[in-house]
């Protein structure tokens, strides 16, 4: 997993002046709980999302007696709609100079290729000896919903706050072959802090982390999808918008899946079935239908995604908070 480098205030204690944390100093932590292993090159008629779906866990710690010798932290473990409303996680794509296998394992493509970059290059992380630069940001080729909203669920005998990047038909997919990693940024658009400059349309990045490395394959070389992980199955049972598979789905090298429907008559000794258009592996039962949870990022004005300015996010100045809250029935 890439390791962030350089000096940054992201992830440090922040004093909130408005919102559910008003009057408190909070440190936010982000960790990739489940990483993607494989993906198939995105095409308009045959979209293959990253699998398994990336999942990010966020934790909040109240900093007590900040700036004194008695400074300590207490984790916040109670999550409700009042606290989570306004929290978003945005994914960004970066290429990595290693090769990844179908199981997510990696190896250097050329151990001698990692050279020291120029002093003008802003290095934000290292994966082994390979530097990841801010200038290599490739989010433009990342298809699907880049922003996820939080859900609360049980995990490891406790309640956790998760961001799941899977909401069909907006699953994350990559438009080019190669090896990549995702950077996740956590921010709250409904709170104000001492680092937002007093501007309502600026939201500080509360926490940031890099995820594991995954490979995007061409259609002909795509190795197929493994069975769903236990975490993905658990999220599906809780109503999270994820697709599940009960067994591996392998594709022979150089073979393409038919996009036409096919059925086999019971008279031929088999049960009837139908393959979905686009090469989907199976038709889900009604119990497996995807339900959308949380805030729909679709409320953002068209063509006005948040833009990064240092450790802050710039939001459209005409953001209508009341309209967003009304869409949730609050």
C-alpha atoms as a PDB file:
ATOM      1  CA  UNK A   1       0.000   0.000   0.000  1.00  0.00           C
ATOM      2  CA  UNK A   2       1.436   3.437  -0.883  1.00  0.00           C
ATOM      3  CA  UNK A   3       2.803   5.447   2.031  1.00  0.00           C
ATOM      4  CA  UNK A   4       2.108   9.181   2.074  1.00  0.00           C
ATOM      5  CA  UNK A   5       5.054  11.520   2.523  1.00  0.00           C
ATOM      6  CA  UNK A   6       5.609  15.235   3.026  1.00  0.00           C
ATOM      7  CA  UNK A   7       4.314  17.739   5.542  1.00  0.00           C
ATOM      8  CA  UNK A   8       0.557  18.213   5.667  1.00  0.00           C
ATOM      9  CA  UNK A   9      -2.131  19.237   8.139  1.00  0.00           C
ATOM     10  CA  UNK A  10      -4.513  16.636   6.701  1.00  0.00           C
ATOM     11  CA  UNK A  11      -5.410  14.087   9.353  1.00  0.00           C
ATOM     12  CA  UNK A  12      -4.385  16.330  12.233  1.00  0.00           C
ATOM     13  CA  UNK A  13      -6.606  17.781  14.973  1.00  0.00           C
ATOM     14  CA  UNK A  14      -9.104  20.385  13.703  1.00  0.00           C
ATOM     15  CA  UNK A  15     -11.276  22.697  15.781  1.00  0.00           C
ATOM     16  CA  UNK A  16     -14.901  22.865  14.572  1.00  0.00           C
ATOM     17  CA  UNK A  17     -16.900  26.082  14.948  1.00  0.00           C
ATOM     18  CA  UNK A  18     -20.190  24.810  13.461  1.00  0.00           C
ATOM     19  CA  UNK A  19     -21.805  21.414  12.888  1.00  0.00           C
ATOM     20  CA  UNK A  20     -22.185  18.311  15.079  1.00  0.00           C
ATOM     21  CA  UNK A  21     -18.588  18.715  16.326  1.00  0.00           C
ATOM     22  CA  UNK A  22     -18.958  22.428  17.144  1.00  0.00           C
ATOM     23  CA  UNK A  23     -16.737  23.485  20.028  1.00  0.00           C
ATOM     24  CA  UNK A  24     -14.619  20.322  19.831  1.00  0.00           C
ATOM     25  CA  UNK A  25     -11.198  19.480  18.462  1.00  0.00           C
ATOM     26  CA  UNK A  26     -11.464  16.367  16.308  1.00  0.00           C
ATOM     27  CA  UNK A  27      -8.893  14.171  14.613  1.00  0.00           C
ATOM     28  CA  UNK A  28     -10.224  12.112  11.692  1.00  0.00           C
ATOM     29  CA  UNK A  29      -8.655   8.850  10.532  1.00  0.00           C
ATOM     30  CA  UNK A  30      -9.298   7.064   7.213  1.00  0.00           C
ATOM     31  CA  UNK A  31      -8.317   3.476   6.342  1.00  0.00           C
ATOM     32  CA  UNK A  32      -9.075   1.333   3.311  1.00  0.00           C
ATOM     33  CA  UNK A  33     -10.909  -1.649   4.795  1.00  0.00           C
ATOM     34  CA  UNK A  34     -11.265  -3.491   1.459  1.00  0.00           C
ATOM     35  CA  UNK A  35      -9.251  -2.827  -1.676  1.00  0.00           C
ATOM     36  CA  UNK A  36      -9.998  -3.570  -5.304  1.00  0.00           C
ATOM     37  CA  UNK A  37      -7.938  -6.393  -6.854  1.00  0.00           C
ATOM     38  CA  UNK A  38      -8.933  -6.394 -10.525  1.00  0.00           C
ATOM     39  CA  UNK A  39     -10.853  -4.436 -13.105  1.00  0.00           C
ATOM     40  CA  UNK A  40     -11.585  -4.663 -16.803  1.00  0.00           C
ATOM     41  CA  UNK A  41     -11.017  -1.766 -19.154  1.00  0.00           C
ATOM     42  CA  UNK A  42     -14.137   0.372 -19.231  1.00  0.00           C
ATOM     43  CA  UNK A  43     -16.204   0.480 -22.416  1.00  0.00           C
ATOM     44  CA  UNK A  44     -19.595   2.067 -23.001  1.00  0.00           C
ATOM     45  CA  UNK A  45     -21.278  -1.231 -23.867  1.00  0.00           C
ATOM     46  CA  UNK A  46     -19.317  -3.431 -21.498  1.00  0.00           C
ATOM     47  CA  UNK A  47     -18.571  -1.764 -18.186  1.00  0.00           C
ATOM     48  CA  UNK A  48     -16.659  -3.826 -15.657  1.00  0.00           C
ATOM     49  CA  UNK A  49     -16.418  -2.207 -12.219  1.00  0.00           C
ATOM     50  CA  UNK A  50     -13.482  -2.634  -9.885  1.00  0.00           C
ATOM     51  CA  UNK A  51     -13.780  -5.802  -7.830  1.00  0.00           C
ATOM     52  CA  UNK A  52     -14.143  -6.231  -4.945  1.00  0.00           C
ATOM     53  CA  UNK A  53     -15.724  -2.821  -4.331  1.00  0.00           C
ATOM     54  CA  UNK A  54     -13.408  -0.489  -2.397  1.00  0.00           C
ATOM     55  CA  UNK A  55     -14.528   0.181   1.183  1.00  0.00           C
ATOM     56  CA  UNK A  56     -13.120   2.937   3.412  1.00  0.00           C
ATOM     57  CA  UNK A  57     -13.530   3.116   7.190  1.00  0.00           C
ATOM     58  CA  UNK A  58     -13.516   6.489   8.946  1.00  0.00           C
ATOM     59  CA  UNK A  59     -12.957   7.024  12.675  1.00  0.00           C
ATOM     60  CA  UNK A  60     -13.273  10.184  14.762  1.00  0.00           C
ATOM     61  CA  UNK A  61     -11.266  11.024  17.885  1.00  0.00           C
ATOM     62  CA  UNK A  62     -12.031  13.930  20.192  1.00  0.00           C
ATOM     63  CA  UNK A  63      -8.810  15.606  21.314  1.00  0.00           C
ATOM     64  CA  UNK A  64      -9.074  16.599  24.967  1.00  0.00           C
ATOM     65  CA  UNK A  65      -6.860  19.252  26.597  1.00  0.00           C
ATOM     66  CA  UNK A  66      -5.380  20.043  23.196  1.00  0.00           C
ATOM     67  CA  UNK A  67      -1.992  21.729  23.273  1.00  0.00           C
ATOM     68  CA  UNK A  68      -1.271  20.842  26.903  1.00  0.00           C
ATOM     69  CA  UNK A  69       0.786  18.180  28.621  1.00  0.00           C
ATOM     70  CA  UNK A  70      -2.476  16.376  29.462  1.00  0.00           C
ATOM     71  CA  UNK A  71      -3.592  16.053  25.832  1.00  0.00           C
ATOM     72  CA  UNK A  72      -5.357  12.767  25.100  1.00  0.00           C
ATOM     73  CA  UNK A  73      -7.878  11.331  22.657  1.00  0.00           C
ATOM     74  CA  UNK A  74     -11.254   9.650  23.046  1.00  0.00           C
ATOM     75  CA  UNK A  75     -12.791   7.801  20.105  1.00  0.00           C
ATOM     76  CA  UNK A  76     -16.351   8.687  19.093  1.00  0.00           C
ATOM     77  CA  UNK A  77     -18.240   5.428  18.589  1.00  0.00           C
ATOM     78  CA  UNK A  78     -21.854   6.612  18.359  1.00  0.00           C
ATOM     79  CA  UNK A  79     -22.940   7.499  14.828  1.00  0.00           C
ATOM     80  CA  UNK A  80     -26.306   8.975  13.887  1.00  0.00           C
ATOM     81  CA  UNK A  81     -27.768  10.923  10.960  1.00  0.00           C
ATOM     82  CA  UNK A  82     -27.054  14.224  12.665  1.00  0.00           C
ATOM     83  CA  UNK A  83     -23.348  13.405  12.839  1.00  0.00           C
ATOM     84  CA  UNK A  84     -22.883  11.761   9.449  1.00  0.00           C
ATOM     85  CA  UNK A  85     -24.972  14.149   7.336  1.00  0.00           C
ATOM     86  CA  UNK A  86     -22.593  16.099   5.129  1.00  0.00           C
ATOM     87  CA  UNK A  87     -19.636  13.701   5.285  1.00  0.00           C
ATOM     88  CA  UNK A  88     -18.362  12.599   1.889  1.00  0.00           C
ATOM     89  CA  UNK A  89     -15.443  10.558   0.608  1.00  0.00           C
ATOM     90  CA  UNK A  90     -13.932  11.303  -2.787  1.00  0.00           C
ATOM     91  CA  UNK A  91     -11.742   8.847  -4.709  1.00  0.00           C
ATOM     92  CA  UNK A  92      -8.865   9.905  -6.952  1.00  0.00           C
ATOM     93  CA  UNK A  93      -6.880   7.667  -9.310  1.00  0.00           C
ATOM     94  CA  UNK A  94      -3.084   7.441  -9.594  1.00  0.00           C
ATOM     95  CA  UNK A  95      -0.959   5.099 -11.755  1.00  0.00           C
ATOM     96  CA  UNK A  96       1.678   2.959 -10.049  1.00  0.00           C
ATOM     97  CA  UNK A  97       4.852   1.592 -11.691  1.00  0.00           C
ATOM     98  CA  UNK A  98       4.393  -2.037 -10.647  1.00  0.00           C
ATOM     99  CA  UNK A  99       2.629  -5.056 -12.086  1.00  0.00           C
ATOM    100  CA  UNK A 100      -0.298  -6.623 -10.236  1.00  0.00           C
ATOM    101  CA  UNK A 101      -1.691 -10.149 -10.509  1.00  0.00           C
ATOM    102  CA  UNK A 102      -5.330 -11.305 -10.479  1.00  0.00           C
ATOM    103  CA  UNK A 103      -5.128 -11.817  -6.698  1.00  0.00           C
ATOM    104  CA  UNK A 104      -3.877  -8.284  -6.094  1.00  0.00           C
ATOM    105  CA  UNK A 105      -0.244  -9.319  -5.485  1.00  0.00           C
ATOM    106  CA  UNK A 106       2.381  -7.009  -6.965  1.00  0.00           C
ATOM    107  CA  UNK A 107       5.910  -7.175  -8.321  1.00  0.00           C
ATOM    108  CA  UNK A 108       8.313  -4.617  -9.746  1.00  0.00           C
ATOM    109  CA  UNK A 109       8.131  -4.356 -13.523  1.00  0.00           C
ATOM    110  CA  UNK A 110      11.712  -3.101 -13.565  1.00  0.00           C
ATOM    111  CA  UNK A 111      13.473  -2.790 -10.193  1.00  0.00           C
ATOM    112  CA  UNK A 112      16.046  -0.431 -11.716  1.00  0.00           C
ATOM    113  CA  UNK A 113      13.469   1.889 -13.199  1.00  0.00           C
ATOM    114  CA  UNK A 114      12.756   3.781  -9.991  1.00  0.00           C
ATOM    115  CA  UNK A 115      14.799   6.943 -10.333  1.00  0.00           C
ATOM    116  CA  UNK A 116      14.943   9.968  -8.113  1.00  0.00           C
ATOM    117  CA  UNK A 117      12.497  12.554  -9.498  1.00  0.00           C
ATOM    118  CA  UNK A 118      13.404  16.181 -10.037  1.00  0.00           C
ATOM    119  CA  UNK A 119      13.183  18.606  -7.160  1.00  0.00           C
ATOM    120  CA  UNK A 120      10.244  20.322  -8.849  1.00  0.00           C
ATOM    121  CA  UNK A 121       8.084  17.195  -8.728  1.00  0.00           C
ATOM    122  CA  UNK A 122       5.698  17.082  -5.784  1.00  0.00           C
ATOM    123  CA  UNK A 123       5.891  13.560  -4.368  1.00  0.00           C
ATOM    124  CA  UNK A 124       2.854  12.669  -2.301  1.00  0.00           C
ATOM    125  CA  UNK A 125       3.529   8.971  -1.637  1.00  0.00           C
ATOM    126  CA  UNK A 126       5.837   6.061  -2.332  1.00  0.00           C
ATOM    127  CA  UNK A 127       4.925   2.511  -3.316  1.00  0.00           C
ATOM    128  CA  UNK A 128       8.137   0.658  -2.588  1.00  0.00           C
ATOM    129  CA  UNK A 129      10.748   2.679  -4.451  1.00  0.00           C
ATOM    130  CA  UNK A 130       8.280   4.193  -6.897  1.00  0.00           C
ATOM    131  CA  UNK A 131       7.262   7.811  -6.281  1.00  0.00           C
ATOM    132  CA  UNK A 132       3.655   8.874  -6.789  1.00  0.00           C
ATOM    133  CA  UNK A 133       3.381  12.509  -7.861  1.00  0.00           C
ATOM    134  CA  UNK A 134       0.448  14.876  -7.622  1.00  0.00           C
ATOM    135  CA  UNK A 135       0.938  15.678 -11.302  1.00  0.00           C
ATOM    136  CA  UNK A 136       0.199  12.028 -12.209  1.00  0.00           C
ATOM    137  CA  UNK A 137      -3.395  12.315 -10.951  1.00  0.00           C
ATOM    138  CA  UNK A 138      -5.458  10.325 -13.488  1.00  0.00           C
ATOM    139  CA  UNK A 139      -8.952  10.772 -12.069  1.00  0.00           C
ATOM    140  CA  UNK A 140     -10.075  11.936 -15.532  1.00  0.00           C
ATOM    141  CA  UNK A 141     -10.057   8.289 -16.695  1.00  0.00           C
ATOM    142  CA  UNK A 142     -11.941   7.050 -13.619  1.00  0.00           C
ATOM    143  CA  UNK A 143     -15.566   6.374 -14.573  1.00  0.00           C
ATOM    144  CA  UNK A 144     -18.485   6.099 -12.193  1.00  0.00           C
ATOM    145  CA  UNK A 145     -19.349   7.920  -8.970  1.00  0.00           C
ATOM    146  CA  UNK A 146     -16.170   9.397  -7.486  1.00  0.00           C
ATOM    147  CA  UNK A 147     -18.001  10.451  -4.315  1.00  0.00           C
ATOM    148  CA  UNK A 148     -19.502   8.076  -1.740  1.00  0.00           C
ATOM    149  CA  UNK A 149     -21.723   8.767   1.247  1.00  0.00           C
ATOM    150  CA  UNK A 150     -21.381   6.967   4.613  1.00  0.00           C
ATOM    151  CA  UNK A 151     -23.303   4.034   5.999  1.00  0.00           C
ATOM    152  CA  UNK A 152     -23.143   2.630   9.526  1.00  0.00           C
ATOM    153  CA  UNK A 153     -22.915  -1.099  10.110  1.00  0.00           C
ATOM    154  CA  UNK A 154     -21.524  -3.708  12.488  1.00  0.00           C
ATOM    155  CA  UNK A 155     -17.967  -4.931  12.001  1.00  0.00           C
ATOM    156  CA  UNK A 156     -15.616  -6.721  14.411  1.00  0.00           C
ATOM    157  CA  UNK A 157     -18.125  -6.528  17.275  1.00  0.00           C
ATOM    158  CA  UNK A 158     -18.665  -2.785  16.961  1.00  0.00           C
ATOM    159  CA  UNK A 159     -20.414  -0.073  14.979  1.00  0.00           C
ATOM    160  CA  UNK A 160     -18.354   1.430  12.167  1.00  0.00           C
ATOM    161  CA  UNK A 161     -18.758   4.203   9.609  1.00  0.00           C
ATOM    162  CA  UNK A 162     -18.018   3.022   6.065  1.00  0.00           C
ATOM    163  CA  UNK A 163     -17.885   4.503   2.568  1.00  0.00           C
ATOM    164  CA  UNK A 164     -18.671   1.862  -0.077  1.00  0.00           C
ATOM    165  CA  UNK A 165     -17.712   2.699  -3.675  1.00  0.00           C
ATOM    166  CA  UNK A 166     -20.336   0.610  -5.382  1.00  0.00           C
ATOM    167  CA  UNK A 167     -23.707   2.026  -6.437  1.00  0.00           C
ATOM    168  CA  UNK A 168     -24.799   0.475  -9.719  1.00  0.00           C
ATOM    169  CA  UNK A 169     -24.868   1.801 -12.397  1.00  0.00           C
ATOM    170  CA  UNK A 170     -22.192   4.196 -11.083  1.00  0.00           C
ATOM    171  CA  UNK A 171     -19.591   1.632  -9.964  1.00  0.00           C
ATOM    172  CA  UNK A 172     -15.991   2.740 -10.279  1.00  0.00           C
ATOM    173  CA  UNK A 173     -14.253   1.625 -13.473  1.00  0.00           C
ATOM    174  CA  UNK A 174     -11.060   2.651 -15.262  1.00  0.00           C
ATOM    175  CA  UNK A 175     -10.921   3.562 -18.948  1.00  0.00           C
ATOM    176  CA  UNK A 176      -7.322   2.437 -19.515  1.00  0.00           C
ATOM    177  CA  UNK A 177      -5.263  -0.658 -18.833  1.00  0.00           C
ATOM    178  CA  UNK A 178      -2.547  -0.496 -16.212  1.00  0.00           C
ATOM    179  CA  UNK A 179      -1.815  -0.679 -12.503  1.00  0.00           C
ATOM    180  CA  UNK A 180      -3.357   1.939 -10.249  1.00  0.00           C
ATOM    181  CA  UNK A 181      -4.136   2.989  -6.704  1.00  0.00           C
ATOM    182  CA  UNK A 182      -6.885   5.159  -5.224  1.00  0.00           C
ATOM    183  CA  UNK A 183      -6.484   8.095  -2.889  1.00  0.00           C
ATOM    184  CA  UNK A 184      -9.433   8.785  -0.603  1.00  0.00           C
ATOM    185  CA  UNK A 185     -10.225  12.219   0.852  1.00  0.00           C
ATOM    186  CA  UNK A 186     -12.757  12.759   3.654  1.00  0.00           C
ATOM    187  CA  UNK A 187     -14.529  16.081   4.133  1.00  0.00           C
ATOM    188  CA  UNK A 188     -17.681  17.564   5.655  1.00  0.00           C
ATOM    189  CA  UNK A 189     -19.624  20.089   3.609  1.00  0.00           C
ATOM    190  CA  UNK A 190     -22.053  21.118   6.364  1.00  0.00           C
ATOM    191  CA  UNK A 191     -19.542  22.053   9.090  1.00  0.00           C
ATOM    192  CA  UNK A 192     -17.157  24.944   9.576  1.00  0.00           C
ATOM    193  CA  UNK A 193     -13.673  24.824  11.037  1.00  0.00           C
ATOM    194  CA  UNK A 194     -10.845  27.178  11.868  1.00  0.00           C
ATOM    195  CA  UNK A 195      -8.988  26.124   8.684  1.00  0.00           C
ATOM    196  CA  UNK A 196     -11.701  26.874   6.112  1.00  0.00           C
ATOM    197  CA  UNK A 197     -10.898  30.563   5.939  1.00  0.00           C
ATOM    198  CA  UNK A 198     -14.405  31.500   7.057  1.00  0.00           C
ATOM    199  CA  UNK A 199     -15.788  30.687   3.606  1.00  0.00           C
ATOM    200  CA  UNK A 200     -18.922  28.544   3.492  1.00  0.00           C
ATOM    201  CA  UNK A 201     -18.005  27.008   0.115  1.00  0.00           C
ATOM    202  CA  UNK A 202     -14.624  25.704   1.291  1.00  0.00           C
ATOM    203  CA  UNK A 203     -14.373  22.381   3.097  1.00  0.00           C
ATOM    204  CA  UNK A 204     -11.087  21.180   4.605  1.00  0.00           C
ATOM    205  CA  UNK A 205      -9.870  17.668   3.925  1.00  0.00           C
ATOM    206  CA  UNK A 206     -10.275  16.023   7.330  1.00  0.00           C
ATOM    207  CA  UNK A 207      -8.365  12.844   6.473  1.00  0.00           C
ATOM    208  CA  UNK A 208      -6.740  11.196   3.484  1.00  0.00           C
ATOM    209  CA  UNK A 209      -5.251   7.788   2.716  1.00  0.00           C
ATOM    210  CA  UNK A 210      -4.068   5.677  -0.206  1.00  0.00           C
ATOM    211  CA  UNK A 211      -5.537   2.278  -0.983  1.00  0.00           C
ATOM    212  CA  UNK A 212      -3.952  -0.912  -2.238  1.00  0.00           C
ATOM    213  CA  UNK A 213      -2.756  -1.483  -5.793  1.00  0.00           C
ATOM    214  CA  UNK A 214      -4.967  -3.124  -8.438  1.00  0.00           C
ATOM    215  CA  UNK A 215      -4.672  -3.950 -12.124  1.00  0.00           C
ATOM    216  CA  UNK A 216      -7.026  -3.093 -14.976  1.00  0.00           C
ATOM    217  CA  UNK A 217      -6.959  -5.714 -17.744  1.00  0.00           C
ATOM    218  CA  UNK A 218      -7.961  -5.702 -21.385  1.00  0.00           C
ATOM    219  CA  UNK A 219     -11.043  -7.666 -22.433  1.00  0.00           C
ATOM    220  CA  UNK A 220      -8.967 -10.477 -23.956  1.00  0.00           C
ATOM    221  CA  UNK A 221      -6.610 -10.926 -21.015  1.00  0.00           C
ATOM    222  CA  UNK A 222      -9.108 -10.363 -18.201  1.00  0.00           C
ATOM    223  CA  UNK A 223      -8.669 -13.324 -15.773  1.00  0.00           C
ATOM    224  CA  UNK A 224     -12.252 -13.265 -14.504  1.00  0.00           C
ATOM    225  CA  UNK A 225     -13.744 -12.434 -11.127  1.00  0.00           C
ATOM    226  CA  UNK A 226     -13.294 -14.382  -7.891  1.00  0.00           C
ATOM    227  CA  UNK A 227     -16.161 -15.105  -5.540  1.00  0.00           C
ATOM    228  CA  UNK A 228     -17.362 -12.201  -3.427  1.00  0.00           C
ATOM    229  CA  UNK A 229     -15.510 -11.445  -0.212  1.00  0.00           C
ATOM    230  CA  UNK A 230     -17.118 -12.007   3.172  1.00  0.00           C
ATOM    231  CA  UNK A 231     -17.263  -8.260   3.756  1.00  0.00           C
ATOM    232  CA  UNK A 232     -19.054  -7.702   0.437  1.00  0.00           C
ATOM    233  CA  UNK A 233     -21.592 -10.421   1.275  1.00  0.00           C
ATOM    234  CA  UNK A 234     -22.197  -8.915   4.705  1.00  0.00           C
ATOM    235  CA  UNK A 235     -22.706  -5.446   3.225  1.00  0.00           C
ATOM    236  CA  UNK A 236     -25.201  -6.886   0.724  1.00  0.00           C
ATOM    237  CA  UNK A 237     -27.256  -8.464   3.501  1.00  0.00           C
ATOM    238  CA  UNK A 238     -27.388  -5.086   5.227  1.00  0.00           C
ATOM    239  CA  UNK A 239     -28.727  -3.419   2.079  1.00  0.00           C
ATOM    240  CA  UNK A 240     -25.537  -1.784   0.814  1.00  0.00           C
ATOM    241  CA  UNK A 241     -25.423  -1.292  -2.975  1.00  0.00           C
ATOM    242  CA  UNK A 242     -23.003  -4.105  -3.879  1.00  0.00           C
ATOM    243  CA  UNK A 243     -23.114  -7.030  -6.319  1.00  0.00           C
ATOM    244  CA  UNK A 244     -22.339 -10.507  -5.010  1.00  0.00           C
ATOM    245  CA  UNK A 245     -21.217 -13.754  -6.653  1.00  0.00           C
ATOM    246  CA  UNK A 246     -21.334 -17.219  -5.146  1.00  0.00           C
ATOM    247  CA  UNK A 247     -18.481 -18.701  -7.231  1.00  0.00           C
ATOM    248  CA  UNK A 248     -15.503 -17.735  -9.372  1.00  0.00           C
ATOM    249  CA  UNK A 249     -16.246 -16.518 -12.889  1.00  0.00           C
ATOM    250  CA  UNK A 250     -13.294 -17.224 -15.130  1.00  0.00           C
ATOM    251  CA  UNK A 251     -12.869 -16.206 -18.750  1.00  0.00           C
ATOM    252  CA  UNK A 252     -10.675 -18.146 -21.131  1.00  0.00           C
ATOM    253  CA  UNK A 253      -7.799 -16.215 -22.667  1.00  0.00           C
ATOM    254  CA  UNK A 254      -8.763 -14.557 -25.912  1.00  0.00           C
ATOM    255  CA  UNK A 255     -12.445 -15.406 -25.524  1.00  0.00           C
ATOM    256  CA  UNK A 256     -15.279 -12.917 -25.387  1.00  0.00           C
ATOM    257  CA  UNK A 257     -18.627 -13.358 -23.738  1.00  0.00           C
ATOM    258  CA  UNK A 258     -21.693 -13.317 -25.920  1.00  0.00           C
ATOM    259  CA  UNK A 259     -23.966 -10.329 -25.455  1.00  0.00           C
ATOM    260  CA  UNK A 260     -27.046 -12.117 -26.740  1.00  0.00           C
ATOM    261  CA  UNK A 261     -29.476 -13.942 -24.500  1.00  0.00           C
ATOM    262  CA  UNK A 262     -29.365 -17.722 -24.416  1.00  0.00           C
ATOM    263  CA  UNK A 263     -31.796 -20.205 -23.004  1.00  0.00           C
ATOM    264  CA  UNK A 264     -31.849 -23.946 -22.686  1.00  0.00           C
ATOM    265  CA  UNK A 265     -35.126 -25.775 -22.822  1.00  0.00           C
ATOM    266  CA  UNK A 266     -36.080 -28.089 -19.953  1.00  0.00           C
ATOM    267  CA  UNK A 267     -36.638 -30.694 -22.642  1.00  0.00           C
ATOM    268  CA  UNK A 268     -32.903 -30.632 -23.314  1.00  0.00           C
ATOM    269  CA  UNK A 269     -32.227 -31.672 -19.758  1.00  0.00           C
ATOM    270  CA  UNK A 270     -31.467 -28.242 -18.309  1.00  0.00           C
ATOM    271  CA  UNK A 271     -33.210 -25.426 -16.527  1.00  0.00           C
ATOM    272  CA  UNK A 272     -34.062 -22.162 -18.237  1.00  0.00           C
ATOM    273  CA  UNK A 273     -31.786 -19.204 -17.662  1.00  0.00           C
ATOM    274  CA  UNK A 274     -30.935 -15.930 -19.333  1.00  0.00           C
ATOM    275  CA  UNK A 275     -27.667 -14.084 -19.623  1.00  0.00           C
ATOM    276  CA  UNK A 276     -27.940 -10.360 -19.124  1.00  0.00           C
ATOM    277  CA  UNK A 277     -26.939  -7.997 -21.944  1.00  0.00           C
ATOM    278  CA  UNK A 278     -23.371  -6.778 -21.583  1.00  0.00           C
ATOM    279  CA  UNK A 279     -21.971 -10.103 -20.434  1.00  0.00           C
ATOM    280  CA  UNK A 280     -23.122 -10.126 -16.787  1.00  0.00           C
ATOM    281  CA  UNK A 281     -22.501 -13.434 -15.104  1.00  0.00           C
ATOM    282  CA  UNK A 282     -25.936 -13.987 -13.607  1.00  0.00           C
ATOM    283  CA  UNK A 283     -29.361 -12.521 -13.099  1.00  0.00           C
ATOM    284  CA  UNK A 284     -29.907 -11.540  -9.464  1.00  0.00           C
ATOM    285  CA  UNK A 285     -32.947 -12.714  -7.611  1.00  0.00           C
ATOM    286  CA  UNK A 286     -35.381 -10.124  -6.200  1.00  0.00           C
ATOM    287  CA  UNK A 287     -33.801 -10.575  -2.769  1.00  0.00           C
ATOM    288  CA  UNK A 288     -30.436  -9.472  -4.191  1.00  0.00           C
ATOM    289  CA  UNK A 289     -31.628  -6.243  -5.768  1.00  0.00           C
ATOM    290  CA  UNK A 290     -29.501  -3.205  -4.976  1.00  0.00           C
ATOM    291  CA  UNK A 291     -30.935  -0.556  -2.682  1.00  0.00           C
ATOM    292  CA  UNK A 292     -29.455   2.862  -2.542  1.00  0.00           C
ATOM    293  CA  UNK A 293     -28.593   4.251   0.874  1.00  0.00           C
ATOM    294  CA  UNK A 294     -27.401   7.611   2.149  1.00  0.00           C
ATOM    295  CA  UNK A 295     -27.183  10.901   0.341  1.00  0.00           C
ATOM    296  CA  UNK A 296     -27.234  10.713  -3.433  1.00  0.00           C
ATOM    297  CA  UNK A 297     -24.170  12.586  -4.775  1.00  0.00           C
ATOM    298  CA  UNK A 298     -26.348  13.371  -7.804  1.00  0.00           C
ATOM    299  CA  UNK A 299     -27.597  16.508  -6.060  1.00  0.00           C
ATOM    300  CA  UNK A 300     -24.319  18.231  -6.901  1.00  0.00           C
ATOM    301  CA  UNK A 301     -24.734  20.814  -9.710  1.00  0.00           C
ATOM    302  CA  UNK A 302     -23.890  19.372 -13.111  1.00  0.00           C
ATOM    303  CA  UNK A 303     -20.283  20.074 -14.099  1.00  0.00           C
ATOM    304  CA  UNK A 304     -19.461  21.563 -10.701  1.00  0.00           C
ATOM    305  CA  UNK A 305     -17.575  18.813  -8.880  1.00  0.00           C
ATOM    306  CA  UNK A 306     -15.446  19.989  -5.962  1.00  0.00           C
ATOM    307  CA  UNK A 307     -11.952  21.140  -6.894  1.00  0.00           C
ATOM    308  CA  UNK A 308      -8.907  20.807  -4.687  1.00  0.00           C
ATOM    309  CA  UNK A 309      -6.949  23.833  -3.476  1.00  0.00           C
ATOM    310  CA  UNK A 310      -4.126  22.644  -1.229  1.00  0.00           C
ATOM    311  CA  UNK A 311      -5.716  21.042   1.826  1.00  0.00           C
ATOM    312  CA  UNK A 312      -9.132  22.502   1.021  1.00  0.00           C
ATOM    313  CA  UNK A 313     -11.964  21.672  -1.366  1.00  0.00           C
ATOM    314  CA  UNK A 314     -13.657  24.460  -3.334  1.00  0.00           C
ATOM    315  CA  UNK A 315     -17.426  23.987  -3.619  1.00  0.00           C
ATOM    316  CA  UNK A 316     -19.879  25.870  -5.864  1.00  0.00           C
ATOM    317  CA  UNK A 317     -20.779  29.157  -4.209  1.00  0.00           C
ATOM    318  CA  UNK A 318     -24.468  28.605  -5.038  1.00  0.00           C
ATOM    319  CA  UNK A 319     -24.764  25.346  -3.056  1.00  0.00           C
ATOM    320  CA  UNK A 320     -28.310  25.148  -1.669  1.00  0.00           C
ATOM    321  CA  UNK A 321     -28.030  23.399   1.697  1.00  0.00           C
ATOM    322  CA  UNK A 322     -31.787  23.527   2.313  1.00  0.00           C
ATOM    323  CA  UNK A 323     -32.441  21.729  -0.973  1.00  0.00           C
ATOM    324  CA  UNK A 324     -29.966  18.972  -0.056  1.00  0.00           C
ATOM    325  CA  UNK A 325     -31.508  18.541   3.392  1.00  0.00           C
ATOM    326  CA  UNK A 326     -34.987  18.503   1.852  1.00  0.00           C
ATOM    327  CA  UNK A 327     -33.996  15.654  -0.444  1.00  0.00           C
ATOM    328  CA  UNK A 328     -33.311  13.581   2.679  1.00  0.00           C
ATOM    329  CA  UNK A 329     -36.641  14.561   4.233  1.00  0.00           C
ATOM    330  CA  UNK A 330     -34.941  16.383   7.134  1.00  0.00           C
END
